[in-house]
């Protein structure tokens, strides 16, 4: 058996534009087998049963939003919605950090480079070059983004670059960061620096943020949503925060999956930003989500922060001992009914998903364009009691545009784009509650997935277009009187409670939270137009 030898340095002139002159080996555009083999050799992680690679990112097992910055330079100054989401950092601090990250990367024994597309639409995509020290992170971004064919790689010229230094720690006193972790976007230099965290999600979400900046200026709507396509070619979008069912419900065996997380809506239809999926796998089961489960049994899938049974190396999907935020990264073609082009027509239906732990929102309702703007800007879901220390009752979570932490412009800019697209293409918009019914969390019960799927199928197949509706007196939502294959009692949110009076009290409480949250959007024309369509009670 041959002994392992230290890789020899390779020609790396293509990195000189990034100011890099690596002393060690540079592995460019390696494929999954090479990357996983190298990751195991280097001790970056290990293989689970059936071949997926397991990477552990402790101590950080989620994003670090408080450590994300945007360089304050003349171009960004007038456009960026500065604040807690888009924190400014000076050009001088960026240059100091860039110099030190370059020095760090140049001194490593090995670097891995991946040249990828962000965006399935050639007219609206970015050519992204990732440079990183870990093979498994290179495999992750290769899963998550669109892989150019061999011929395209010969002439690949990046127009955005990401330097990843997970083990490098920033010095806040020198680099102007909050801690030793950093995610810094320089929109003028078209560059991202990421360090002090191994969590792979930063590598994809930072590029989503970049797309959120550039696309609106082109009249393209960037969206934190999943998308699928019916056999008749009709497309649907699914917006929703974590835990609302966005990935689960879009992975429909009867519809083709366009993508599970990030899309653009352009003049000729929608397109996926990615070439893969990044699904939560906590409590994943073969019975409830067979297509997603199947990907976790495939070589090339990256499993993040899962726990293995030591004897068999099978995954303990219910084990939260590392984190509740366990993830699987896999190429889109691992889903059997994916849409290879990553593109679709203008959406006939748009679904807003919310997991209402207060148990008062109806299971499905149809929204006017003005209501669509209101609930899009609100971006509501609710945390349940017990998921965080000190949380004893449901807590409302409002994230503008269903992804406030990734938005660069003011939220009303995205809302206006959505309004215009909905009106132009006459898309139907639905609010679907995948949360609680019959009472709040602790008293009621979670909406049955089978009922939610039946309601969505009816909406997507046009079976709710001509039924009779009635109006909810508190939220002003339009509720169908009947839905095929759904018991009438399921549709009656108020009637599902033991006490109608208690329901009314809880509903008015949530309505007041909506109104209080909406005040932050100010008095612009778009905000006023949407606010008039908000809750009445």
Protein backbone atom coordinates (compact mmCIF):
# COMPACT_ATOMS: atom_id res chain seq x y z
CA UNK A 1 0.00 0.00 0.00
CA UNK A 2 1.56 3.34 -1.03
CA UNK A 3 2.31 5.85 1.67
CA UNK A 4 0.71 9.28 1.64
CA UNK A 5 2.96 12.08 0.46
CA UNK A 6 2.66 15.81 0.83
CA UNK A 7 0.99 17.29 -2.26
CA UNK A 8 3.29 19.25 -4.53
CA UNK A 9 2.58 22.89 -5.27
CA UNK A 10 0.78 23.49 -8.54
CA UNK A 11 0.80 26.43 -10.93
CA UNK A 12 -1.54 29.04 -9.46
CA UNK A 13 -1.16 32.15 -11.62
CA UNK A 14 -4.96 32.41 -11.83
CA UNK A 15 -4.97 33.54 -8.17
CA UNK A 16 -2.66 36.51 -8.70
CA UNK A 17 -5.62 38.81 -9.41
CA UNK A 18 -6.75 38.07 -5.86
CA UNK A 19 -3.35 39.01 -4.49
CA UNK A 20 -2.56 35.39 -3.64
CA UNK A 21 0.75 33.60 -4.16
CA UNK A 22 0.30 30.26 -2.39
CA UNK A 23 3.38 28.40 -1.22
CA UNK A 24 1.54 25.07 -1.10
CA UNK A 25 -0.50 22.96 -3.49
CA UNK A 26 -3.56 24.45 -5.20
CA UNK A 27 -6.32 22.03 -6.23
CA UNK A 28 -8.59 23.63 -8.81
CA UNK A 29 -12.10 22.41 -9.64
CA UNK A 30 -11.66 18.94 -8.25
CA UNK A 31 -14.73 16.73 -8.45
CA UNK A 32 -16.55 15.19 -5.46
CA UNK A 33 -14.63 11.90 -5.33
CA UNK A 34 -11.28 13.69 -5.17
CA UNK A 35 -12.51 16.25 -2.64
CA UNK A 36 -14.08 13.71 -0.29
CA UNK A 37 -11.06 11.42 -0.54
CA UNK A 38 -8.81 14.34 0.37
CA UNK A 39 -11.08 15.51 3.19
CA UNK A 40 -10.94 12.06 4.80
CA UNK A 41 -7.16 11.85 4.31
CA UNK A 42 -6.73 15.21 6.02
CA UNK A 43 -9.00 14.29 8.93
CA UNK A 44 -11.55 16.99 8.12
CA UNK A 45 -14.42 14.60 8.88
CA UNK A 46 -15.51 11.05 8.19
CA UNK A 47 -17.85 8.96 6.11
CA UNK A 48 -21.23 7.82 7.35
CA UNK A 49 -23.01 4.61 6.34
CA UNK A 50 -23.83 4.63 2.58
CA UNK A 51 -21.08 7.18 1.86
CA UNK A 52 -22.10 10.75 2.80
CA UNK A 53 -19.39 12.90 4.37
CA UNK A 54 -19.94 14.22 7.91
CA UNK A 55 -18.41 17.55 8.88
CA UNK A 56 -18.59 19.07 12.36
CA UNK A 57 -18.45 22.87 12.63
CA UNK A 58 -18.42 23.42 16.39
CA UNK A 59 -18.37 25.79 18.15
CA UNK A 60 -20.44 27.55 15.47
CA UNK A 61 -23.34 25.45 14.19
CA UNK A 62 -25.29 28.27 12.59
CA UNK A 63 -24.79 31.63 10.96
CA UNK A 64 -23.19 34.55 12.81
CA UNK A 65 -25.39 37.51 11.72
CA UNK A 66 -23.88 39.88 14.28
CA UNK A 67 -20.49 39.36 12.65
CA UNK A 68 -21.57 40.21 9.10
CA UNK A 69 -20.44 43.56 7.66
CA UNK A 70 -20.72 45.54 4.45
CA UNK A 71 -17.84 47.81 3.45
CA UNK A 72 -18.98 51.42 3.55
CA UNK A 73 -17.76 52.84 0.25
CA UNK A 74 -19.29 55.46 -2.11
CA UNK A 75 -21.20 52.99 -4.27
CA UNK A 76 -22.85 51.19 -1.37
CA UNK A 77 -23.36 54.29 0.79
CA UNK A 78 -26.53 55.48 -0.94
CA UNK A 79 -28.10 52.05 -1.53
CA UNK A 80 -27.55 49.91 1.55
CA UNK A 81 -30.11 49.87 4.35
CA UNK A 82 -27.55 50.36 7.13
CA UNK A 83 -28.32 49.00 10.58
CA UNK A 84 -28.14 45.80 12.61
CA UNK A 85 -28.43 43.63 9.48
CA UNK A 86 -26.07 45.57 7.23
CA UNK A 87 -23.40 46.76 9.64
CA UNK A 88 -20.81 49.12 8.16
CA UNK A 89 -17.07 48.53 8.20
CA UNK A 90 -14.53 50.95 6.78
CA UNK A 91 -12.51 50.43 3.61
CA UNK A 92 -9.33 50.80 5.69
CA UNK A 93 -10.34 47.99 8.05
CA UNK A 94 -11.27 45.79 5.09
CA UNK A 95 -7.83 46.30 3.53
CA UNK A 96 -6.09 45.36 6.78
CA UNK A 97 -8.22 42.23 7.08
CA UNK A 98 -7.70 41.31 3.42
CA UNK A 99 -3.92 41.61 3.78
CA UNK A 100 -3.90 39.29 6.79
CA UNK A 101 -6.26 36.75 5.19
CA UNK A 102 -4.05 36.66 2.09
CA UNK A 103 -0.95 36.07 4.23
CA UNK A 104 -2.74 33.29 6.10
CA UNK A 105 -3.92 31.51 2.93
CA UNK A 106 -0.57 31.89 1.19
CA UNK A 107 1.14 30.06 4.04
CA UNK A 108 -0.99 26.92 4.00
CA UNK A 109 0.08 23.54 2.62
CA UNK A 110 -3.02 23.16 0.45
CA UNK A 111 -5.74 25.36 -1.02
CA UNK A 112 -8.88 24.33 -2.86
CA UNK A 113 -10.42 26.46 -5.59
CA UNK A 114 -13.88 26.08 -7.11
CA UNK A 115 -15.13 28.13 -10.08
CA UNK A 116 -18.94 28.17 -10.05
CA UNK A 117 -22.03 29.99 -11.27
CA UNK A 118 -24.47 31.71 -8.93
CA UNK A 119 -27.68 31.86 -10.96
CA UNK A 120 -29.17 29.52 -13.57
CA UNK A 121 -30.05 32.44 -15.85
CA UNK A 122 -26.95 33.37 -17.91
CA UNK A 123 -28.18 36.96 -18.19
CA UNK A 124 -28.36 37.38 -14.41
CA UNK A 125 -25.69 35.13 -12.93
CA UNK A 126 -22.34 35.74 -11.27
CA UNK A 127 -19.15 33.80 -11.94
CA UNK A 128 -17.83 33.08 -8.45
CA UNK A 129 -14.37 31.87 -7.47
CA UNK A 130 -14.10 30.25 -4.01
CA UNK A 131 -10.65 29.87 -2.42
CA UNK A 132 -10.50 27.81 0.79
CA UNK A 133 -8.24 25.58 2.87
CA UNK A 134 -10.64 22.65 3.44
CA UNK A 135 -11.60 20.01 0.88
CA UNK A 136 -15.01 19.40 2.45
CA UNK A 137 -15.94 23.08 2.21
CA UNK A 138 -14.94 22.93 -1.46
CA UNK A 139 -17.23 19.92 -1.87
CA UNK A 140 -19.99 21.88 -0.13
CA UNK A 141 -19.86 24.86 -2.48
CA UNK A 142 -19.59 22.50 -5.45
CA UNK A 143 -22.85 20.92 -4.27
CA UNK A 144 -24.55 24.21 -3.62
CA UNK A 145 -23.75 26.23 -6.73
CA UNK A 146 -24.02 25.58 -10.45
CA UNK A 147 -21.11 23.69 -11.93
CA UNK A 148 -19.87 24.95 -15.32
CA UNK A 149 -19.12 22.28 -17.91
CA UNK A 150 -15.54 21.49 -18.82
CA UNK A 151 -15.49 23.73 -21.88
CA UNK A 152 -16.80 26.73 -19.93
CA UNK A 153 -14.13 26.29 -17.26
CA UNK A 154 -11.39 26.88 -19.81
CA UNK A 155 -12.55 30.48 -20.28
CA UNK A 156 -13.95 31.05 -16.78
CA UNK A 157 -13.40 34.60 -15.54
CA UNK A 158 -14.72 35.33 -12.03
CA UNK A 159 -16.69 38.50 -11.41
CA UNK A 160 -16.97 37.78 -7.69
CA UNK A 161 -14.57 36.04 -5.30
CA UNK A 162 -14.82 34.51 -1.83
CA UNK A 163 -11.76 33.99 0.38
CA UNK A 164 -12.53 31.50 3.13
CA UNK A 165 -10.27 31.24 6.18
CA UNK A 166 -12.29 29.30 8.80
CA UNK A 167 -9.41 28.91 11.25
CA UNK A 168 -8.15 32.49 10.95
CA UNK A 169 -9.33 34.77 13.74
CA UNK A 170 -9.77 38.49 13.28
CA UNK A 171 -8.44 41.03 15.78
CA UNK A 172 -11.35 43.43 16.50
CA UNK A 173 -8.99 46.21 17.63
CA UNK A 174 -7.11 46.00 14.34
CA UNK A 175 -9.73 44.86 11.84
CA UNK A 176 -12.80 46.69 13.11
CA UNK A 177 -14.86 43.52 13.60
CA UNK A 178 -17.09 42.70 16.56
CA UNK A 179 -15.31 39.44 17.42
CA UNK A 180 -12.77 37.10 15.85
CA UNK A 181 -15.47 35.85 13.46
CA UNK A 182 -16.18 37.82 10.27
CA UNK A 183 -18.26 37.79 7.12
CA UNK A 184 -17.33 40.95 5.21
CA UNK A 185 -18.83 41.96 1.85
CA UNK A 186 -17.02 44.46 -0.33
CA UNK A 187 -19.48 45.23 -3.13
CA UNK A 188 -17.08 47.59 -4.90
CA UNK A 189 -14.25 45.05 -5.00
CA UNK A 190 -16.72 42.20 -5.60
CA UNK A 191 -15.16 40.19 -2.83
CA UNK A 192 -16.23 38.41 0.37
CA UNK A 193 -13.97 37.52 3.30
CA UNK A 194 -15.18 34.79 5.69
CA UNK A 195 -13.26 33.59 8.73
CA UNK A 196 -13.41 32.46 12.32
CA UNK A 197 -16.24 29.99 11.63
CA UNK A 198 -16.42 26.57 9.97
CA UNK A 199 -20.18 26.73 9.46
CA UNK A 200 -20.65 26.08 5.75
CA UNK A 201 -23.91 28.00 5.46
CA UNK A 202 -21.98 31.28 5.46
CA UNK A 203 -20.47 30.32 2.10
CA UNK A 204 -23.84 30.21 0.37
CA UNK A 205 -25.82 32.82 2.28
CA UNK A 206 -23.21 35.52 1.73
CA UNK A 207 -23.61 35.07 -2.04
CA UNK A 208 -27.39 35.25 -1.64
CA UNK A 209 -26.86 38.62 0.03
CA UNK A 210 -24.77 39.74 -2.94
CA UNK A 211 -27.51 38.74 -5.39
CA UNK A 212 -30.01 40.65 -3.25
CA UNK A 213 -27.94 43.76 -3.88
CA UNK A 214 -27.30 43.55 -7.60
CA UNK A 215 -30.53 42.11 -9.01
CA UNK A 216 -33.07 44.78 -7.95
CA UNK A 217 -31.19 47.38 -9.98
CA UNK A 218 -31.85 45.17 -13.02
CA UNK A 219 -35.56 44.88 -12.26
CA UNK A 220 -35.08 41.28 -11.08
CA UNK A 221 -36.74 40.19 -7.84
CA UNK A 222 -34.36 38.17 -5.59
CA UNK A 223 -36.31 35.82 -3.33
CA UNK A 224 -35.67 33.63 -0.29
CA UNK A 225 -38.03 30.90 -1.46
CA UNK A 226 -38.23 27.41 -2.92
CA UNK A 227 -39.85 26.72 -6.29
CA UNK A 228 -41.36 23.81 -8.17
CA UNK A 229 -43.15 23.08 -11.42
CA UNK A 230 -46.26 21.08 -12.31
CA UNK A 231 -46.56 18.67 -15.21
CA UNK A 232 -48.36 21.42 -17.10
CA UNK A 233 -45.37 23.75 -16.70
CA UNK A 234 -47.03 25.98 -14.08
CA UNK A 235 -44.60 27.15 -11.42
CA UNK A 236 -45.10 27.92 -7.74
CA UNK A 237 -43.00 29.78 -5.18
CA UNK A 238 -42.81 28.89 -1.47
CA UNK A 239 -41.66 31.60 0.94
CA UNK A 240 -41.11 30.80 4.60
CA UNK A 241 -38.69 31.08 7.48
CA UNK A 242 -36.89 28.10 9.00
CA UNK A 243 -39.26 25.44 10.33
CA UNK A 244 -42.27 26.43 8.24
CA UNK A 245 -41.95 23.58 5.71
CA UNK A 246 -40.46 25.40 2.73
CA UNK A 247 -38.11 22.58 1.73
CA UNK A 248 -40.50 19.76 2.68
CA UNK A 249 -43.51 21.12 0.79
CA UNK A 250 -41.63 22.10 -2.35
CA UNK A 251 -40.11 18.59 -2.62
CA UNK A 252 -43.39 17.23 -3.98
CA UNK A 253 -43.16 13.85 -5.76
CA UNK A 254 -45.80 15.05 -8.24
CA UNK A 255 -43.99 18.29 -9.17
CA UNK A 256 -40.51 19.05 -10.45
CA UNK A 257 -38.18 20.79 -7.98
CA UNK A 258 -36.59 23.94 -9.42
CA UNK A 259 -34.80 24.80 -6.17
CA UNK A 260 -35.27 24.79 -2.41
CA UNK A 261 -34.01 28.16 -1.15
CA UNK A 262 -33.01 31.08 -3.38
CA UNK A 263 -34.43 32.32 -6.68
CA UNK A 264 -34.74 35.31 -8.95
CA UNK A 265 -37.84 36.49 -10.83
CA UNK A 266 -36.78 38.09 -14.11
CA UNK A 267 -38.59 39.32 -17.20
CA UNK A 268 -38.80 35.83 -18.70
CA UNK A 269 -39.55 33.81 -15.56
CA UNK A 270 -37.86 32.47 -12.44
CA UNK A 271 -34.43 30.94 -11.97
CA UNK A 272 -32.58 29.16 -9.19
CA UNK A 273 -29.45 30.77 -7.77
CA UNK A 274 -28.08 27.37 -6.80
CA UNK A 275 -27.25 23.94 -8.14
CA UNK A 276 -28.00 22.14 -4.90
CA UNK A 277 -30.06 21.99 -1.72
CA UNK A 278 -29.21 22.66 1.93
CA UNK A 279 -31.98 20.91 3.86
CA UNK A 280 -32.51 20.71 7.61
CA UNK A 281 -32.46 17.05 8.62
CA UNK A 282 -33.39 17.11 12.29
CA UNK A 283 -35.99 14.36 12.83
CA UNK A 284 -35.83 13.46 9.15
CA UNK A 285 -37.60 10.21 8.31
CA UNK A 286 -37.87 8.00 5.26
CA UNK A 287 -41.67 7.92 5.54
CA UNK A 288 -42.36 11.67 5.78
CA UNK A 289 -39.70 12.97 3.38
CA UNK A 290 -38.54 10.05 1.22
CA UNK A 291 -36.76 12.10 -1.46
CA UNK A 292 -34.74 14.18 1.00
CA UNK A 293 -34.00 11.11 3.12
CA UNK A 294 -32.67 9.31 0.04
CA UNK A 295 -30.05 12.02 -0.50
CA UNK A 296 -28.63 11.37 2.98
CA UNK A 297 -27.74 7.84 1.86
CA UNK A 298 -25.67 8.99 -1.14
CA UNK A 299 -21.97 9.55 -1.65
CA UNK A 300 -21.29 13.23 -2.32
CA UNK A 301 -23.85 14.51 0.17
CA UNK A 302 -22.36 16.60 2.97
CA UNK A 303 -23.99 16.05 6.38
CA UNK A 304 -23.30 18.89 8.79
CA UNK A 305 -23.26 18.42 12.58
CA UNK A 306 -25.19 15.15 12.64
CA UNK A 307 -24.52 12.42 15.23
CA UNK A 308 -23.66 8.87 14.14
CA UNK A 309 -24.29 5.51 15.75
CA UNK A 310 -20.71 4.44 16.35
CA UNK A 311 -21.22 0.77 15.58
CA UNK A 312 -22.94 1.20 12.22
CA UNK A 313 -22.21 4.85 11.33
CA UNK A 314 -25.87 5.33 10.54
CA UNK A 315 -27.22 8.80 11.27
CA UNK A 316 -29.23 9.50 14.41
CA UNK A 317 -31.53 12.06 12.83
CA UNK A 318 -33.34 12.77 16.10
CA UNK A 319 -30.14 13.59 18.00
CA UNK A 320 -29.80 17.31 18.81
CA UNK A 321 -26.75 16.96 21.05
CA UNK A 322 -24.57 19.00 18.68
CA UNK A 323 -27.31 21.28 17.35
CA UNK A 324 -30.92 21.32 16.26
CA UNK A 325 -29.67 22.89 13.03
CA UNK A 326 -28.39 19.70 11.39
CA UNK A 327 -28.10 19.99 7.61
CA UNK A 328 -27.60 18.03 4.40
CA UNK A 329 -25.99 19.58 1.33
CA UNK A 330 -26.52 17.72 -1.93
CA UNK A 331 -26.63 18.51 -5.66
CA UNK A 332 -30.07 19.21 -7.05
CA UNK A 333 -29.95 16.17 -9.33
CA UNK A 334 -30.01 13.92 -6.25
CA UNK A 335 -33.74 14.73 -6.11
CA UNK A 336 -35.29 12.39 -8.66
CA UNK A 337 -37.84 14.86 -10.09
CA UNK A 338 -35.68 17.97 -10.26
CA UNK A 339 -35.83 20.47 -13.11
CA UNK A 340 -32.37 20.27 -14.78
CA UNK A 341 -32.42 23.80 -16.18
CA UNK A 342 -33.08 25.38 -12.77
CA UNK A 343 -35.56 27.68 -14.50
CA UNK A 344 -39.31 28.06 -14.83
CA UNK A 345 -42.02 30.35 -16.14
CA UNK A 346 -43.71 33.17 -14.29
CA UNK A 347 -45.31 31.70 -11.14
CA UNK A 348 -49.01 31.02 -11.29
CA UNK A 349 -49.08 30.64 -7.50
CA UNK A 350 -47.09 32.17 -4.65
CA UNK A 351 -47.33 30.62 -1.19
CA UNK A 352 -46.35 32.29 2.08
CA UNK A 353 -45.72 29.66 4.77
CA UNK A 354 -45.99 30.43 8.47
CA UNK A 355 -45.80 28.15 11.49
CA UNK A 356 -48.17 30.05 13.78
CA UNK A 357 -47.55 28.72 17.29
CA UNK A 358 -50.32 31.00 18.59
CA UNK A 359 -52.76 28.73 16.75
CA UNK A 360 -54.99 31.46 15.32
CA UNK A 361 -54.10 31.96 11.65
CA UNK A 362 -56.29 29.95 9.26
CA UNK A 363 -54.77 26.90 7.56
CA UNK A 364 -55.12 28.52 4.14
CA UNK A 365 -56.29 31.91 2.90
CA UNK A 366 -56.15 33.82 -0.36
CA UNK A 367 -54.44 37.23 -0.36
CA UNK A 368 -55.06 40.34 -2.40
CA UNK A 369 -51.93 41.98 -3.92
CA UNK A 370 -52.01 44.53 -1.08
CA UNK A 371 -52.28 41.79 1.55
CA UNK A 372 -49.45 39.99 -0.22
CA UNK A 373 -47.22 43.04 0.27
CA UNK A 374 -48.26 43.26 3.93
CA UNK A 375 -47.51 39.65 4.79
CA UNK A 376 -44.35 39.68 2.65
CA UNK A 377 -43.02 42.69 4.54
CA UNK A 378 -44.09 41.14 7.86
CA UNK A 379 -42.44 37.75 7.18
CA UNK A 380 -44.15 36.16 10.17
CA UNK A 381 -43.66 32.87 11.96
CA UNK A 382 -43.47 31.99 15.68
CA UNK A 383 -40.99 30.22 17.93
CA UNK A 384 -42.52 27.65 20.22
CA UNK A 385 -42.10 27.40 23.95
CA UNK A 386 -39.16 25.29 24.99
CA UNK A 387 -37.00 25.76 21.89
CA UNK A 388 -34.94 28.40 23.66
CA UNK A 389 -34.15 28.99 27.30
CA UNK A 390 -36.68 31.31 28.92
CA UNK A 391 -39.30 30.88 26.19
CA UNK A 392 -42.47 29.76 28.00
CA UNK A 393 -45.08 30.85 25.45
CA UNK A 394 -45.06 31.35 21.68
CA UNK A 395 -42.91 34.24 20.46
CA UNK A 396 -43.69 36.08 17.25
CA UNK A 397 -40.83 36.33 14.78
CA UNK A 398 -41.00 38.94 12.02
CA UNK A 399 -38.36 38.83 9.29
CA UNK A 400 -39.08 41.22 6.43
CA UNK A 401 -39.31 39.58 3.00
CA UNK A 402 -39.01 36.19 4.75
CA UNK A 403 -35.27 36.77 4.96
CA UNK A 404 -34.42 40.15 6.49
CA UNK A 405 -30.90 39.08 7.43
CA UNK A 406 -30.03 38.70 3.73
CA UNK A 407 -31.61 41.89 2.39
CA UNK A 408 -29.32 44.79 1.50
CA UNK A 409 -31.75 47.44 0.24
CA UNK A 410 -34.67 48.68 2.36
CA UNK A 411 -37.39 45.99 2.50
CA UNK A 412 -39.92 48.19 0.72
CA UNK A 413 -37.78 48.03 -2.45
CA UNK A 414 -38.28 44.26 -2.58
CA UNK A 415 -41.97 44.63 -1.71
CA UNK A 416 -42.48 47.01 -4.62
CA UNK A 417 -40.78 44.58 -6.99
CA UNK A 418 -43.05 41.79 -5.73
CA UNK A 419 -46.17 43.93 -6.10
CA UNK A 420 -45.29 44.81 -9.68
CA UNK A 421 -44.53 41.19 -10.61
CA UNK A 422 -47.76 39.90 -9.05
CA UNK A 423 -49.87 42.48 -10.86
CA UNK A 424 -48.15 41.98 -14.20
CA UNK A 425 -48.46 38.20 -14.18
CA UNK A 426 -51.72 37.91 -12.18
CA UNK A 427 -50.24 35.36 -9.79
CA UNK A 428 -52.43 33.93 -7.01
CA UNK A 429 -51.02 34.42 -3.50
CA UNK A 430 -51.84 32.15 -0.55
CA UNK A 431 -51.04 32.31 3.16
CA UNK A 432 -50.67 28.80 4.59
CA UNK A 433 -50.34 28.06 8.30
CA UNK A 434 -48.25 24.94 8.90
CA UNK A 435 -48.25 25.61 12.66
CA UNK A 436 -50.81 24.97 15.34
CA UNK A 437 -54.57 24.52 15.40
CA UNK A 438 -57.07 23.81 18.16
CA UNK A 439 -55.12 26.08 20.50
CA UNK A 440 -51.66 27.53 20.91
CA UNK A 441 -48.54 25.41 21.29
CA UNK A 442 -48.93 23.31 24.44
CA UNK A 443 -52.70 23.08 24.09
CA UNK A 444 -53.41 22.62 20.40
CA UNK A 445 -51.66 20.37 17.92
CA UNK A 446 -49.55 20.79 14.80
CA UNK A 447 -51.39 20.95 11.50
CA UNK A 448 -51.32 17.55 9.80
CA UNK A 449 -48.89 17.46 6.91
CA UNK A 450 -51.42 15.48 4.87
CA UNK A 451 -53.99 18.26 5.28
CA UNK A 452 -51.46 20.95 4.34
CA UNK A 453 -50.44 18.99 1.24
CA UNK A 454 -54.11 18.57 0.25
CA UNK A 455 -54.76 22.32 0.61
CA UNK A 456 -51.67 23.19 -1.41
CA UNK A 457 -52.56 20.69 -4.12
CA UNK A 458 -56.02 22.22 -4.42
CA UNK A 459 -54.56 25.72 -4.69
CA UNK A 460 -51.87 24.75 -7.20
CA UNK A 461 -54.33 22.79 -9.35
CA UNK A 462 -56.74 25.73 -9.55
CA UNK A 463 -59.44 24.00 -7.54
CA UNK A 464 -59.82 26.99 -5.20
CA UNK A 465 -60.16 29.64 -7.88
CA UNK A 466 -63.95 29.43 -8.15
CA UNK A 467 -65.05 28.27 -4.70
CA UNK A 468 -66.91 30.55 -2.29
CA UNK A 469 -64.92 32.50 0.29
CA UNK A 470 -65.69 34.32 3.52
CA UNK A 471 -63.69 37.01 5.30
CA UNK A 472 -61.95 36.59 8.65
CA UNK A 473 -63.19 39.45 10.89
CA UNK A 474 -59.84 40.06 12.66
CA UNK A 475 -57.20 39.54 9.97
CA UNK A 476 -59.35 40.37 6.95
CA UNK A 477 -58.14 37.23 5.17
CA UNK A 478 -60.23 35.48 2.52
CA UNK A 479 -60.97 31.90 3.56
CA UNK A 480 -62.30 29.15 1.26
CA UNK A 481 -65.57 27.58 2.47
CA UNK A 482 -64.41 24.14 1.30
CA UNK A 483 -61.23 22.44 0.09
CA UNK A 484 -61.22 19.00 -1.58
CA UNK A 485 -60.00 16.18 0.67
CA UNK A 486 -59.83 18.42 3.75
CA UNK A 487 -62.43 18.04 6.54
CA UNK A 488 -64.50 21.24 6.99
CA UNK A 489 -63.55 21.38 10.69
CA UNK A 490 -59.86 21.71 9.75
CA UNK A 491 -60.57 24.92 7.81
CA UNK A 492 -62.25 26.61 10.79
CA UNK A 493 -59.40 27.99 12.94
CA UNK A 494 -61.75 29.53 15.51
CA UNK A 495 -64.02 26.49 15.65
CA UNK A 496 -61.05 24.21 16.35
CA UNK A 497 -60.58 25.89 19.74
CA UNK A 498 -62.52 24.72 22.81
CA UNK A 499 -63.40 28.36 23.54
CA UNK A 500 -64.20 30.84 20.80
CA UNK A 501 -63.69 33.71 23.24
CA UNK A 502 -60.16 32.52 24.05
CA UNK A 503 -59.43 32.27 20.33
CA UNK A 504 -60.61 35.85 19.81
CA UNK A 505 -58.37 37.10 22.61
CA UNK A 506 -55.34 35.29 21.19
CA UNK A 507 -56.10 36.43 17.62
CA UNK A 508 -56.39 40.09 18.65
CA UNK A 509 -53.12 39.74 20.56
CA UNK A 510 -51.34 38.49 17.44
CA UNK A 511 -52.99 41.13 15.25
CA UNK A 512 -51.64 43.83 17.58
CA UNK A 513 -48.13 42.32 17.22
CA UNK A 514 -48.44 42.57 13.46
CA UNK A 515 -49.45 46.24 13.64
CA UNK A 516 -46.68 47.10 16.08
CA UNK A 517 -44.06 45.42 13.91
CA UNK A 518 -45.29 47.12 10.75
CA UNK A 519 -44.64 50.62 12.11
CA UNK A 520 -40.92 50.19 11.41
CA UNK A 521 -41.54 50.41 7.66
CA UNK A 522 -42.41 54.09 7.93
CA UNK A 523 -44.79 56.11 5.79
CA UNK A 524 -43.59 55.47 2.26
CA UNK A 525 -46.22 54.96 -0.43
CA UNK A 526 -45.55 51.22 -0.51
CA UNK A 527 -45.77 50.90 3.28
CA UNK A 528 -49.04 52.84 3.44
CA UNK A 529 -50.54 50.79 0.63
CA UNK A 530 -49.66 47.56 2.39
CA UNK A 531 -50.58 48.72 5.90
CA UNK A 532 -54.18 49.34 4.82
CA UNK A 533 -54.46 45.62 4.06
CA UNK A 534 -53.29 44.49 7.50
CA UNK A 535 -55.27 43.00 10.40
CA UNK A 536 -58.44 44.81 11.42
CA UNK A 537 -59.03 43.52 14.93
